[in-house]
């Protein structure tokens, strides 16, 4: 009797596992930038998740995930030009901002140039992270090499360390939520340093009807 129950239980577990595996295989893999829930595009995607099977994965380089075939769709923040073999659905722009400890005199400024920050200690994302490379480049263009005292995996971690007075951090504005610790001040950078926000997919591959349906739903949502 006990053996029979155990066998039935094992069979049921196997059925559930197979079903979940099938669901995961059918779901459209969408690679997104870290902190995606903070982006203005997120509520639209949240609505679409209810109608389309999606498996959303945060990745420091969603574009690489797409190029390697690890995902069918990506939400990216980028500067410059994208390769021609990608279809791009633009959904706005995002600005670089600096997060500063409230006790730092610079936090009283309404806006700051990058060169205003050259003497500061920086908290940065890991140096191999594409965004960290971008920040190094914009600082170099402003005439200085930033001095990083800490490299982290997530923007949120860096902002938490700003609250502890450890240094300043440069991040794209939408990557961090609006609810900041009172010990942290967000200051705009001038002239503006902007990145483009977009959903992208590969052009020269066959898209399943399900993937096509999601792409069209995204276009309709953002082209209103």
Protein backbone atom coordinates (compact mmCIF):
# COMPACT_ATOMS: atom_id res chain seq x y z
CA UNK A 1 0.00 0.00 0.00
CA UNK A 2 2.73 2.46 1.03
CA UNK A 3 4.77 1.45 -2.04
CA UNK A 4 1.75 2.09 -4.27
CA UNK A 5 1.23 5.59 -2.77
CA UNK A 6 4.93 6.34 -3.17
CA UNK A 7 4.81 5.20 -6.82
CA UNK A 8 1.73 7.34 -7.52
CA UNK A 9 3.41 10.33 -5.82
CA UNK A 10 6.58 9.82 -7.88
CA UNK A 11 4.51 9.58 -11.07
CA UNK A 12 2.64 12.77 -10.20
CA UNK A 13 5.91 14.59 -9.48
CA UNK A 14 7.26 13.38 -12.82
CA UNK A 15 4.15 14.70 -14.65
CA UNK A 16 4.44 18.08 -12.89
CA UNK A 17 8.18 18.27 -13.69
CA UNK A 18 7.55 17.41 -17.36
CA UNK A 19 4.78 20.02 -17.55
CA UNK A 20 7.00 22.71 -16.03
CA UNK A 21 9.84 21.77 -18.35
CA UNK A 22 7.49 22.01 -21.36
CA UNK A 23 6.21 25.39 -20.10
CA UNK A 24 9.79 26.67 -19.74
CA UNK A 25 10.72 25.44 -23.21
CA UNK A 26 7.66 27.10 -24.75
CA UNK A 27 8.20 30.40 -22.90
CA UNK A 28 9.88 33.19 -24.85
CA UNK A 29 13.23 33.95 -23.27
CA UNK A 30 13.62 37.69 -22.70
CA UNK A 31 16.98 39.02 -21.45
CA UNK A 32 16.70 42.40 -19.70
CA UNK A 33 19.06 44.88 -18.05
CA UNK A 34 19.60 44.62 -14.27
CA UNK A 35 17.03 46.58 -12.24
CA UNK A 36 14.48 46.17 -15.06
CA UNK A 37 11.54 46.50 -12.64
CA UNK A 38 12.51 50.19 -12.15
CA UNK A 39 12.28 51.04 -15.86
CA UNK A 40 9.29 52.84 -17.36
CA UNK A 41 8.91 49.97 -19.84
CA UNK A 42 8.45 47.39 -17.05
CA UNK A 43 4.68 47.89 -16.36
CA UNK A 44 3.90 47.30 -20.05
CA UNK A 45 5.88 44.05 -20.03
CA UNK A 46 4.19 43.04 -16.77
CA UNK A 47 0.80 43.36 -18.48
CA UNK A 48 1.97 41.37 -21.51
CA UNK A 49 3.30 38.56 -19.28
CA UNK A 50 -0.31 37.75 -18.45
CA UNK A 51 -1.08 37.04 -22.13
CA UNK A 52 2.26 35.73 -23.40
CA UNK A 53 4.47 33.05 -21.89
CA UNK A 54 7.74 34.76 -21.05
CA UNK A 55 10.81 33.80 -19.11
CA UNK A 56 12.42 37.12 -18.11
CA UNK A 57 16.08 36.98 -17.06
CA UNK A 58 18.19 39.92 -15.87
CA UNK A 59 21.67 39.95 -17.36
CA UNK A 60 24.54 42.46 -17.29
CA UNK A 61 24.80 42.08 -21.08
CA UNK A 62 21.37 41.22 -22.55
CA UNK A 63 22.65 42.01 -26.06
CA UNK A 64 25.27 39.27 -25.75
CA UNK A 65 22.55 36.83 -24.63
CA UNK A 66 20.63 37.67 -27.79
CA UNK A 67 23.67 37.38 -30.07
CA UNK A 68 24.57 34.00 -28.58
CA UNK A 69 21.02 32.69 -29.06
CA UNK A 70 20.46 32.37 -25.31
CA UNK A 71 17.37 34.59 -25.58
CA UNK A 72 14.87 35.44 -28.33
CA UNK A 73 14.31 39.02 -27.24
CA UNK A 74 16.23 41.60 -25.21
CA UNK A 75 15.58 44.90 -23.46
CA UNK A 76 18.74 46.97 -23.64
CA UNK A 77 20.18 50.34 -22.68
CA UNK A 78 22.86 51.37 -25.16
CA UNK A 79 24.89 54.20 -26.68
CA UNK A 80 26.08 54.28 -30.28
CA UNK A 81 24.84 52.18 -33.17
CA UNK A 82 23.52 48.64 -33.11
CA UNK A 83 24.48 46.02 -35.74
CA UNK A 84 22.24 45.98 -38.86
CA UNK A 85 21.09 42.41 -38.31
CA UNK A 86 18.90 43.46 -35.37
CA UNK A 87 15.36 44.73 -35.41
CA UNK A 88 14.98 47.60 -32.94
CA UNK A 89 11.88 48.87 -31.14
CA UNK A 90 12.90 52.13 -29.46
CA UNK A 91 11.21 52.95 -26.15
CA UNK A 92 12.85 56.22 -25.12
CA UNK A 93 16.10 57.32 -23.52
CA UNK A 94 17.76 57.37 -20.12
CA UNK A 95 20.18 59.87 -18.57
CA UNK A 96 23.34 59.37 -16.57
CA UNK A 97 23.06 60.69 -12.99
CA UNK A 98 25.39 60.73 -10.01
CA UNK A 99 24.42 59.44 -6.56
CA UNK A 100 26.25 61.34 -3.82
CA UNK A 101 26.31 61.05 -0.01
CA UNK A 102 24.07 63.80 1.43
CA UNK A 103 26.96 65.05 3.59
CA UNK A 104 29.17 65.64 0.53
CA UNK A 105 29.05 69.38 -0.38
CA UNK A 106 28.52 68.45 -4.06
CA UNK A 107 25.09 67.07 -3.14
CA UNK A 108 23.86 70.66 -2.73
CA UNK A 109 24.37 71.36 -6.45
CA UNK A 110 21.36 71.33 -8.81
CA UNK A 111 23.53 69.73 -11.53
CA UNK A 112 27.14 68.66 -11.97
CA UNK A 113 29.58 68.17 -14.82
CA UNK A 114 31.61 64.97 -14.96
CA UNK A 115 34.81 66.93 -14.32
CA UNK A 116 33.30 68.22 -11.03
CA UNK A 117 33.63 64.61 -9.85
CA UNK A 118 37.25 63.93 -10.80
CA UNK A 119 38.57 64.14 -7.20
CA UNK A 120 35.86 61.81 -5.84
CA UNK A 121 36.18 58.17 -4.83
CA UNK A 122 33.97 56.09 -7.14
CA UNK A 123 31.89 52.99 -6.52
CA UNK A 124 31.56 51.16 -9.83
CA UNK A 125 30.12 48.02 -11.34
CA UNK A 126 32.61 45.23 -12.08
CA UNK A 127 35.17 46.56 -14.60
CA UNK A 128 34.19 43.94 -17.22
CA UNK A 129 30.54 44.96 -17.06
CA UNK A 130 29.64 46.78 -20.34
CA UNK A 131 28.12 49.67 -18.39
CA UNK A 132 31.27 50.07 -16.25
CA UNK A 133 33.27 50.31 -19.49
CA UNK A 134 30.83 52.98 -20.75
CA UNK A 135 31.30 55.03 -17.54
CA UNK A 136 35.10 54.79 -17.84
CA UNK A 137 34.84 56.04 -21.43
CA UNK A 138 32.62 59.05 -20.62
CA UNK A 139 34.93 60.04 -17.74
CA UNK A 140 37.99 59.69 -20.00
CA UNK A 141 36.24 61.91 -22.57
CA UNK A 142 35.70 64.44 -19.76
CA UNK A 143 39.46 64.42 -19.13
CA UNK A 144 40.02 62.15 -16.14
CA UNK A 145 40.38 58.52 -15.11
CA UNK A 146 37.96 57.62 -12.35
CA UNK A 147 39.39 56.17 -9.15
CA UNK A 148 37.32 53.14 -8.14
CA UNK A 149 37.46 52.09 -4.49
CA UNK A 150 34.84 49.35 -4.87
CA UNK A 151 33.48 47.18 -7.67
CA UNK A 152 30.02 45.65 -7.18
CA UNK A 153 27.64 43.40 -9.07
CA UNK A 154 24.51 45.57 -8.77
CA UNK A 155 23.67 49.26 -9.00
CA UNK A 156 21.49 48.96 -5.89
CA UNK A 157 24.52 47.78 -3.89
CA UNK A 158 26.50 50.82 -5.04
CA UNK A 159 23.71 53.22 -4.00
CA UNK A 160 23.54 51.51 -0.59
CA UNK A 161 27.28 52.11 -0.20
CA UNK A 162 26.83 55.77 -1.18
CA UNK A 163 24.39 55.96 1.79
CA UNK A 164 27.27 54.74 3.99
CA UNK A 165 29.44 57.60 2.73
CA UNK A 166 31.86 55.33 0.87
CA UNK A 167 31.95 57.39 -2.35
CA UNK A 168 29.89 58.44 -5.36
CA UNK A 169 28.45 56.36 -8.20
CA UNK A 170 27.41 57.10 -11.78
CA UNK A 171 24.40 55.11 -13.01
CA UNK A 172 21.61 55.45 -15.56
CA UNK A 173 18.63 57.06 -13.84
CA UNK A 174 15.99 54.41 -14.60
CA UNK A 175 18.19 51.56 -13.34
CA UNK A 176 17.53 52.65 -9.74
CA UNK A 177 14.12 53.13 -8.12
CA UNK A 178 12.86 56.50 -6.90
CA UNK A 179 12.81 55.59 -3.18
CA UNK A 180 16.27 56.69 -2.11
CA UNK A 181 17.76 56.59 1.36
CA UNK A 182 17.73 60.09 2.93
CA UNK A 183 21.54 59.89 3.08
CA UNK A 184 21.74 59.73 -0.73
CA UNK A 185 21.18 62.57 -3.22
CA UNK A 186 20.69 62.11 -6.97
CA UNK A 187 22.14 64.92 -9.11
CA UNK A 188 21.77 65.25 -12.93
CA UNK A 189 24.90 65.36 -15.09
CA UNK A 190 25.38 68.20 -17.59
CA UNK A 191 25.82 68.19 -20.49
CA UNK A 192 23.47 65.20 -20.59
CA UNK A 193 24.97 61.77 -21.17
CA UNK A 194 22.20 59.68 -22.69
CA UNK A 195 21.59 56.05 -23.57
CA UNK A 196 18.82 54.67 -25.78
CA UNK A 197 16.32 52.14 -24.46
CA UNK A 198 14.98 49.50 -26.81
CA UNK A 199 13.62 46.01 -27.29
CA UNK A 200 15.68 44.15 -29.89
CA UNK A 201 15.54 40.84 -31.71
CA UNK A 202 17.58 39.18 -34.43
CA UNK A 203 16.42 39.84 -37.98
CA UNK A 204 17.74 36.88 -39.93
CA UNK A 205 16.23 34.06 -37.90
CA UNK A 206 12.85 32.40 -38.07
CA UNK A 207 10.54 33.63 -35.34
CA UNK A 208 7.84 31.32 -33.99
CA UNK A 209 4.21 32.53 -34.23
CA UNK A 210 4.33 33.02 -30.45
CA UNK A 211 7.46 35.21 -30.65
CA UNK A 212 5.94 37.19 -33.53
CA UNK A 213 2.74 37.78 -31.56
CA UNK A 214 4.71 39.14 -28.58
CA UNK A 215 6.81 41.43 -30.81
CA UNK A 216 3.67 42.87 -32.40
CA UNK A 217 2.07 43.33 -28.95
CA UNK A 218 5.18 45.24 -27.80
CA UNK A 219 5.07 47.44 -30.92
CA UNK A 220 1.39 48.23 -30.38
CA UNK A 221 2.01 49.03 -26.70
CA UNK A 222 4.91 51.40 -27.31
CA UNK A 223 3.91 52.99 -30.59
CA UNK A 224 0.68 54.41 -29.17
